[in-house]
Amino acid sequence: MNSKKIKKDLTTEIKEKLKKTKFDVLTNENDFLVKNLKKAG
């Protein structure tokens, strides 16, 4: 196996996981904000 290819695959995999994590965090924050708005409204 080519070490550069392995490294690239790992980097891509890590980037995908980070994207998902960021998306989950944003979703949780949005849910929290919506709940608070509903309480206030």
C-alpha atoms as a PDB file:
ATOM      1  CA  MET A   1       0.000   0.000   0.000  1.00  0.00           C
ATOM      2  CA  ASN A   2       1.079   3.510  -0.735  1.00  0.00           C
ATOM      3  CA  SER A   3       1.548   5.455   2.521  1.00  0.00           C
ATOM      4  CA  LYS A   4       0.432   8.720   0.897  1.00  0.00           C
ATOM      5  CA  LYS A   5      -2.853   7.118  -0.165  1.00  0.00           C
ATOM      6  CA  ILE A   6      -3.460   5.773   3.350  1.00  0.00           C
ATOM      7  CA  LYS A   7      -2.730   9.179   4.844  1.00  0.00           C
ATOM      8  CA  LYS A   8      -5.102  10.871   2.397  1.00  0.00           C
ATOM      9  CA  ASP A   9      -7.875   8.374   3.160  1.00  0.00           C
ATOM     10  CA  LEU A  10      -7.450   8.895   6.891  1.00  0.00           C
ATOM     11  CA  THR A  11      -7.518  12.669   6.505  1.00  0.00           C
ATOM     12  CA  THR A  12     -10.694  12.468   4.439  1.00  0.00           C
ATOM     13  CA  GLU A  13     -12.279  10.167   7.005  1.00  0.00           C
ATOM     14  CA  ILE A  14     -11.368  12.519   9.864  1.00  0.00           C
ATOM     15  CA  LYS A  15     -12.743  15.522   7.954  1.00  0.00           C
ATOM     16  CA  GLU A  16     -16.044  13.685   7.386  1.00  0.00           C
ATOM     17  CA  LYS A  17     -16.307  12.869  11.093  1.00  0.00           C
ATOM     18  CA  LEU A  18     -15.593  16.491  12.007  1.00  0.00           C
ATOM     19  CA  LYS A  19     -18.301  17.706   9.624  1.00  0.00           C
ATOM     20  CA  LYS A  20     -20.801  15.338  11.232  1.00  0.00           C
ATOM     21  CA  THR A  21     -19.768  16.416  14.719  1.00  0.00           C
ATOM     22  CA  LYS A  22     -20.091  20.106  13.875  1.00  0.00           C
ATOM     23  CA  PHE A  23     -23.489  19.446  12.326  1.00  0.00           C
ATOM     24  CA  ASP A  24     -24.660  17.586  15.445  1.00  0.00           C
ATOM     25  CA  VAL A  25     -23.507  20.433  17.680  1.00  0.00           C
ATOM     26  CA  LEU A  26     -25.324  22.992  15.533  1.00  0.00           C
ATOM     27  CA  THR A  27     -28.467  20.867  15.549  1.00  0.00           C
ATOM     28  CA  ASN A  28     -28.369  20.589  19.337  1.00  0.00           C
ATOM     29  CA  GLU A  29     -27.873  24.336  19.703  1.00  0.00           C
ATOM     30  CA  ASN A  30     -30.755  25.032  17.343  1.00  0.00           C
ATOM     31  CA  ASP A  31     -33.034  22.665  19.267  1.00  0.00           C
ATOM     32  CA  PHE A  32     -32.115  24.427  22.492  1.00  0.00           C
ATOM     33  CA  LEU A  33     -32.828  27.854  20.979  1.00  0.00           C
ATOM     34  CA  VAL A  34     -36.154  26.728  19.530  1.00  0.00           C
ATOM     35  CA  LYS A  35     -37.244  25.287  22.878  1.00  0.00           C
ATOM     36  CA  ASN A  36     -36.373  28.540  24.655  1.00  0.00           C
ATOM     37  CA  LEU A  37     -38.195  30.602  22.050  1.00  0.00           C
ATOM     38  CA  LYS A  38     -41.296  28.435  22.414  1.00  0.00           C
ATOM     39  CA  LYS A  39     -41.224  28.876  26.206  1.00  0.00           C
ATOM     40  CA  ALA A  40     -40.870  32.643  25.852  1.00  0.00           C
ATOM     41  CA  GLY A  41     -43.506  32.873  23.119  1.00  0.00           C
END
